[in-house]
N, C-alpha and C. Protein backbone atom coordinates (compact mmCIF):
# COMPACT_ATOMS: atom_id res chain seq x y z
N UNK A 1 -21.67 -75.27 3.04
CA UNK A 1 -22.66 -75.34 3.59
C UNK A 1 -22.64 -76.52 4.32
N UNK A 2 -21.84 -77.30 4.44
CA UNK A 2 -21.98 -78.34 5.57
C UNK A 2 -21.40 -77.44 7.08
N UNK A 3 -20.54 -76.78 6.60
CA UNK A 3 -19.70 -75.76 7.65
C UNK A 3 -20.86 -74.99 8.18
N UNK A 4 -21.47 -74.29 7.15
CA UNK A 4 -22.60 -73.23 8.40
C UNK A 4 -23.29 -74.04 9.17
N UNK A 5 -24.04 -75.34 8.74
CA UNK A 5 -24.58 -75.55 9.35
C UNK A 5 -24.72 -76.74 10.81
N UNK A 6 -23.05 -76.90 10.37
CA UNK A 6 -22.40 -77.15 11.90
C UNK A 6 -22.07 -76.15 13.07
N UNK A 7 -21.79 -75.12 12.52
CA UNK A 7 -21.52 -73.80 13.14
C UNK A 7 -22.91 -73.32 13.82
N UNK A 8 -23.98 -73.45 13.29
CA UNK A 8 -25.08 -73.67 13.96
C UNK A 8 -25.65 -74.05 14.62
N UNK A 9 -25.18 -75.28 14.99
CA UNK A 9 -25.69 -76.42 15.86
C UNK A 9 -24.51 -76.44 16.71
N UNK A 10 -23.47 -76.07 16.46
CA UNK A 10 -22.15 -76.55 17.39
C UNK A 10 -22.82 -76.20 18.70
N UNK A 11 -22.92 -75.04 18.88
CA UNK A 11 -23.41 -74.78 20.26
C UNK A 11 -24.92 -75.78 21.36
N UNK A 12 -25.65 -75.61 20.14
CA UNK A 12 -26.46 -77.07 21.02
C UNK A 12 -25.98 -77.94 21.10
N UNK A 13 -24.89 -78.31 20.67
CA UNK A 13 -24.88 -80.14 20.02
C UNK A 13 -24.12 -80.60 21.26
N UNK A 14 -24.02 -80.13 22.61
CA UNK A 14 -23.67 -81.08 23.87
C UNK A 14 -24.75 -81.60 24.09
N UNK A 15 -25.93 -80.60 24.60
CA UNK A 15 -27.62 -80.93 24.79
C UNK A 15 -28.19 -82.27 23.89
N UNK A 16 -27.89 -82.08 22.45
CA UNK A 16 -28.05 -82.81 21.19
C UNK A 16 -27.30 -84.36 21.96
N UNK A 17 -25.90 -84.41 22.26
CA UNK A 17 -25.14 -85.46 22.53
C UNK A 17 -26.31 -86.65 23.38
N UNK A 18 -27.14 -86.05 24.18
CA UNK A 18 -27.83 -86.37 25.03
C UNK A 18 -29.06 -87.64 24.57
N UNK A 19 -28.74 -87.80 23.47
CA UNK A 19 -30.16 -88.23 22.92
C UNK A 19 -29.16 -88.83 21.03
N UNK A 20 -28.96 -90.43 21.56
CA UNK A 20 -28.02 -90.76 20.74
C UNK A 20 -28.55 -90.71 19.26
N UNK A 21 -29.99 -91.12 18.93
CA UNK A 21 -31.00 -90.32 17.59
C UNK A 21 -30.02 -89.16 16.88
N UNK A 22 -30.04 -88.02 18.01
CA UNK A 22 -29.94 -86.97 16.70
C UNK A 22 -28.22 -86.98 16.86
N UNK A 23 -26.97 -87.55 17.29
CA UNK A 23 -25.94 -87.57 17.00
C UNK A 23 -25.84 -88.43 16.27
N UNK A 24 -26.39 -89.25 15.61
CA UNK A 24 -26.53 -90.23 14.54
C UNK A 24 -27.27 -89.33 13.34
N UNK A 25 -27.58 -88.41 13.42
CA UNK A 25 -28.55 -87.61 12.75
C UNK A 25 -27.04 -87.11 12.31
N UNK A 26 -26.80 -86.09 13.03
CA UNK A 26 -25.68 -85.26 12.68
C UNK A 26 -24.27 -85.96 12.16
N UNK A 27 -23.82 -87.40 12.39
CA UNK A 27 -22.59 -87.56 12.22
C UNK A 27 -23.27 -88.63 10.39
N UNK A 28 -24.60 -88.42 10.24
CA UNK A 28 -24.94 -89.09 8.94
C UNK A 28 -25.05 -87.49 7.90
N UNK A 29 -24.99 -86.86 8.51
CA UNK A 29 -25.67 -86.02 7.43
C UNK A 29 -24.25 -84.67 7.21
N UNK A 30 -23.36 -84.88 7.56
CA UNK A 30 -21.87 -84.43 7.53
C UNK A 30 -20.89 -84.95 7.70
N UNK A 31 -20.90 -85.69 6.31
CA UNK A 31 -19.73 -86.03 5.55
C UNK A 31 -17.99 -85.69 5.63
N UNK A 32 -17.19 -86.14 5.69
CA UNK A 32 -16.14 -85.83 5.10
C UNK A 32 -15.66 -86.36 3.69
N UNK A 33 -14.66 -86.17 3.16
CA UNK A 33 -14.26 -86.82 2.45
C UNK A 33 -13.89 -88.38 2.40
N UNK A 34 -13.19 -88.40 3.54
CA UNK A 34 -13.15 -90.00 3.52
C UNK A 34 -13.68 -90.45 4.44
N UNK A 35 -15.11 -89.81 4.96
CA UNK A 35 -16.32 -90.41 5.43
C UNK A 35 -17.11 -90.20 6.67
N UNK A 36 -17.13 -89.89 7.51
CA UNK A 36 -18.00 -89.68 8.88
C UNK A 36 -17.14 -88.47 9.19
N UNK A 37 -17.63 -87.17 9.11
CA UNK A 37 -16.41 -86.28 10.47
C UNK A 37 -16.27 -86.45 11.58
N UNK A 38 -14.45 -86.70 12.03
CA UNK A 38 -14.47 -87.19 13.24
C UNK A 38 -14.67 -85.27 14.60
N UNK A 39 -15.33 -86.22 15.40
CA UNK A 39 -16.03 -84.97 16.06
C UNK A 39 -14.84 -84.99 17.19
N UNK A 40 -14.69 -84.15 18.05
CA UNK A 40 -13.84 -83.49 19.08
C UNK A 40 -14.58 -83.51 20.14
N UNK A 41 -14.27 -84.37 21.30
CA UNK A 41 -15.34 -83.64 22.48
C UNK A 41 -14.69 -83.50 23.94
N UNK A 42 -15.21 -82.41 24.06
CA UNK A 42 -13.93 -82.09 25.41
C UNK A 42 -15.11 -82.78 26.56
N UNK A 43 -14.90 -83.67 27.63
CA UNK A 43 -16.08 -84.13 28.84
C UNK A 43 -15.43 -83.30 29.96
N UNK A 44 -15.93 -82.81 30.69
CA UNK A 44 -15.53 -82.30 32.08
C UNK A 44 -16.17 -83.73 32.98
N UNK A 45 -15.05 -84.19 33.64
CA UNK A 45 -15.01 -84.82 34.86
C UNK A 45 -14.31 -84.40 36.31
N UNK A 46 -15.31 -84.95 37.61
CA UNK A 46 -15.54 -84.55 38.91
C UNK A 46 -14.46 -85.73 39.35
N UNK A 47 -13.56 -86.15 40.16
CA UNK A 47 -13.11 -87.25 40.99
C UNK A 47 -11.99 -87.69 40.58
N UNK A 48 -11.04 -86.92 39.59
CA UNK A 48 -9.76 -87.02 39.42
C UNK A 48 -9.39 -86.16 40.27
N UNK A 49 -7.70 -86.94 41.13
CA UNK A 49 -7.15 -86.21 42.02
C UNK A 49 -5.07 -86.31 41.98
N UNK A 50 -5.02 -87.44 40.79
CA UNK A 50 -4.07 -87.91 40.67
C UNK A 50 -3.71 -88.69 39.18
N UNK A 51 -2.66 -88.70 38.67
CA UNK A 51 -2.04 -89.20 37.61
C UNK A 51 -2.71 -90.79 37.46
N UNK A 52 -2.68 -91.44 38.68
CA UNK A 52 -3.53 -92.96 38.49
C UNK A 52 -4.67 -92.65 38.23
N UNK A 53 -5.66 -91.59 38.51
CA UNK A 53 -7.30 -91.07 38.05
C UNK A 53 -6.73 -91.16 36.49
N UNK A 54 -6.13 -90.02 36.00
CA UNK A 54 -6.00 -89.69 34.58
C UNK A 54 -5.64 -90.79 33.59
N UNK A 55 -4.97 -92.07 34.63
CA UNK A 55 -4.54 -92.88 33.35
C UNK A 55 -5.74 -94.02 33.26
N UNK A 56 -6.47 -94.01 34.01
CA UNK A 56 -7.76 -94.88 34.42
C UNK A 56 -8.72 -94.33 33.43
N UNK A 57 -9.11 -93.18 33.77
CA UNK A 57 -9.78 -92.56 33.03
C UNK A 57 -9.54 -92.53 31.11
N UNK A 58 -8.07 -92.56 31.26
CA UNK A 58 -7.71 -92.50 29.61
C UNK A 58 -7.77 -93.68 28.51
N UNK A 59 -7.33 -94.72 29.63
CA UNK A 59 -7.41 -96.34 29.34
C UNK A 59 -9.13 -96.89 29.00
N UNK A 60 -9.77 -95.79 29.84
CA UNK A 60 -11.06 -96.66 29.69
C UNK A 60 -11.87 -95.42 28.34
N UNK A 61 -11.67 -94.56 28.13
CA UNK A 61 -12.38 -93.69 26.94
C UNK A 61 -11.68 -94.50 25.41
N UNK A 62 -10.31 -94.41 25.90
CA UNK A 62 -9.16 -95.09 24.61
C UNK A 62 -10.05 -96.63 24.17
N UNK A 63 -10.99 -97.58 25.41
CA UNK A 63 -11.56 -98.51 24.59
C UNK A 63 -12.72 -98.74 24.36
N UNK A 64 -13.67 -97.27 23.82
CA UNK A 64 -14.80 -97.18 23.67
C UNK A 64 -14.66 -96.85 22.11
N UNK A 65 -15.64 -97.97 21.43
CA UNK A 65 -15.37 -97.80 20.16
C UNK A 65 -15.86 -96.88 19.77
N UNK A 66 -14.95 -96.31 18.64
CA UNK A 66 -14.76 -94.81 17.89
C UNK A 66 -13.97 -93.73 18.32
N UNK A 67 -13.69 -94.23 19.41
CA UNK A 67 -12.72 -93.52 19.89
C UNK A 67 -11.10 -93.30 19.24
N UNK A 68 -10.45 -92.35 18.72
CA UNK A 68 -9.02 -92.24 18.06
C UNK A 68 -8.16 -91.77 18.98
N UNK A 69 -7.21 -92.64 18.62
CA UNK A 69 -5.92 -91.97 19.71
C UNK A 69 -5.58 -90.36 19.13
N UNK A 70 -4.76 -89.79 19.93
CA UNK A 70 -4.48 -90.02 21.23
C UNK A 70 -6.13 -89.70 21.85
N UNK A 71 -6.19 -90.29 23.56
CA UNK A 71 -6.93 -89.57 24.29
C UNK A 71 -6.42 -88.57 25.49
N UNK A 72 -6.73 -87.24 25.26
CA UNK A 72 -5.49 -86.28 26.53
C UNK A 72 -6.83 -85.95 28.09
N UNK A 73 -6.28 -86.74 28.89
CA UNK A 73 -6.83 -86.07 29.99
C UNK A 73 -5.64 -85.15 31.10
N UNK A 74 -6.72 -84.13 31.54
CA UNK A 74 -5.84 -83.05 32.15
C UNK A 74 -7.10 -83.22 33.47
N UNK A 75 -5.90 -83.73 34.86
CA UNK A 75 -6.24 -83.65 35.76
C UNK A 75 -6.59 -82.30 36.62
N UNK A 76 -5.75 -81.58 36.59
CA UNK A 76 -6.07 -80.03 36.55
C UNK A 76 -7.28 -79.37 36.25
N UNK A 77 -7.11 -79.76 34.67
CA UNK A 77 -8.40 -79.14 34.41
C UNK A 77 -9.78 -80.03 34.83
N UNK A 78 -9.58 -80.98 34.79
CA UNK A 78 -10.88 -82.06 35.16
C UNK A 78 -11.61 -82.40 33.59
N UNK A 79 -10.44 -82.60 32.95
CA UNK A 79 -11.60 -83.14 31.87
C UNK A 79 -10.38 -83.90 31.05
N UNK A 80 -11.15 -84.38 29.58
CA UNK A 80 -10.50 -85.46 28.70
C UNK A 80 -10.80 -84.85 27.46
N UNK A 81 -10.08 -85.37 26.32
CA UNK A 81 -10.32 -84.53 25.03
C UNK A 81 -10.42 -85.75 24.04
N UNK A 82 -11.22 -86.27 23.60
CA UNK A 82 -11.33 -87.44 22.69
C UNK A 82 -11.66 -86.70 21.29
N UNK A 83 -11.37 -87.83 20.41
CA UNK A 83 -11.76 -87.51 19.19
C UNK A 83 -12.24 -88.95 18.36
N UNK A 84 -13.08 -88.35 17.29
CA UNK A 84 -13.59 -90.16 16.53
C UNK A 84 -15.15 -89.75 16.50
N UNK A 85 -15.78 -90.88 16.83
CA UNK A 85 -17.04 -90.95 16.32
C UNK A 85 -17.75 -91.93 17.41
N UNK A 86 -17.02 -91.25 18.41
CA UNK A 86 -17.97 -92.47 19.83
C UNK A 86 -19.06 -92.02 20.14
N UNK A 87 -19.92 -93.13 20.22
CA UNK A 87 -21.44 -93.11 21.24
C UNK A 87 -21.10 -92.57 22.43
N UNK A 88 -21.75 -91.31 22.56
CA UNK A 88 -21.86 -90.63 23.70
C UNK A 88 -22.45 -90.89 25.07
N UNK A 89 -22.96 -91.95 24.95
CA UNK A 89 -23.88 -92.68 26.61
C UNK A 89 -22.43 -93.29 26.28
N UNK A 90 -21.74 -94.30 25.58
CA UNK A 90 -20.34 -95.27 26.25
C UNK A 90 -19.31 -94.12 26.54
N UNK A 91 -19.22 -93.17 26.37
CA UNK A 91 -18.10 -92.04 26.66
C UNK A 91 -18.78 -92.24 28.00
N UNK A 92 -19.57 -91.77 28.26
CA UNK A 92 -20.44 -91.70 30.11
C UNK A 92 -20.24 -92.53 30.82
N UNK A 93 -20.44 -93.99 29.91
CA UNK A 93 -20.62 -95.36 30.94
C UNK A 93 -19.48 -95.58 31.17
N UNK A 94 -18.14 -95.11 30.32
CA UNK A 94 -16.48 -95.92 30.60
C UNK A 94 -16.33 -94.92 31.76
N UNK A 95 -16.52 -93.40 31.92
CA UNK A 95 -16.26 -92.35 32.69
C UNK A 95 -16.77 -92.75 33.99
N UNK A 96 -18.02 -93.22 34.39
CA UNK A 96 -18.73 -94.00 35.37
C UNK A 96 -18.41 -94.86 35.96
N UNK A 97 -18.01 -95.94 35.04
CA UNK A 97 -17.91 -97.20 35.46
C UNK A 97 -16.09 -97.59 36.19
N UNK A 98 -15.21 -96.00 35.97
CA UNK A 98 -14.48 -96.11 36.30
C UNK A 98 -14.30 -95.46 37.94
N UNK A 99 -15.21 -94.63 38.62
CA UNK A 99 -15.74 -94.51 39.31
C UNK A 99 -15.92 -92.68 39.19
N UNK A 100 -15.56 -92.00 38.33
CA UNK A 100 -16.11 -90.60 38.46
C UNK A 100 -17.45 -89.83 38.05
N UNK A 101 -17.15 -88.80 37.68
CA UNK A 101 -18.80 -88.11 37.33
C UNK A 101 -18.35 -87.37 36.32
N UNK A 102 -19.08 -87.54 35.12
CA UNK A 102 -18.92 -87.22 34.00
C UNK A 102 -20.50 -85.79 33.63
N UNK A 103 -19.52 -84.61 34.35
CA UNK A 103 -20.96 -83.51 34.39
C UNK A 103 -21.46 -83.11 32.91
N UNK A 104 -20.24 -82.34 32.29
CA UNK A 104 -20.91 -81.95 31.00
C UNK A 104 -19.71 -82.15 29.37
N UNK A 105 -20.43 -82.32 28.28
CA UNK A 105 -19.15 -82.34 27.27
C UNK A 105 -19.99 -81.38 26.57
N UNK A 106 -18.77 -81.18 25.69
CA UNK A 106 -18.66 -79.84 24.55
C UNK A 106 -18.14 -80.59 23.27
N UNK A 107 -18.92 -80.31 21.89
CA UNK A 107 -17.90 -80.72 20.87
C UNK A 107 -16.96 -79.46 20.67
N UNK A 108 -15.64 -79.63 20.14
CA UNK A 108 -14.77 -78.68 20.18
C UNK A 108 -15.00 -78.14 18.70
N UNK A 109 -14.84 -79.52 17.81
CA UNK A 109 -14.80 -78.70 16.35
C UNK A 109 -15.86 -78.69 15.70
């Protein structure tokens, strides 16, 4: 049952992530055996041009509460992938604080 609800919400979840209360509802209603379900979130980021940019974004995202290692960042694709149960607004703030633009995010799992 949980899987079917998740699959129905998955395409719309990116827009729901803008509302922290909706993400909290999603986490609370989709537990796993070991606790809350770990989300895999793909972030589209503009402005990264080199390895130093990627490292700065990687370190900033890794420092966000709820992010599980590893954090993957690709300058070529202009994206980062994080997993865990982070606050989406905290992810956005971390990217912006480093001087980059978060253009979108999607839940992969």
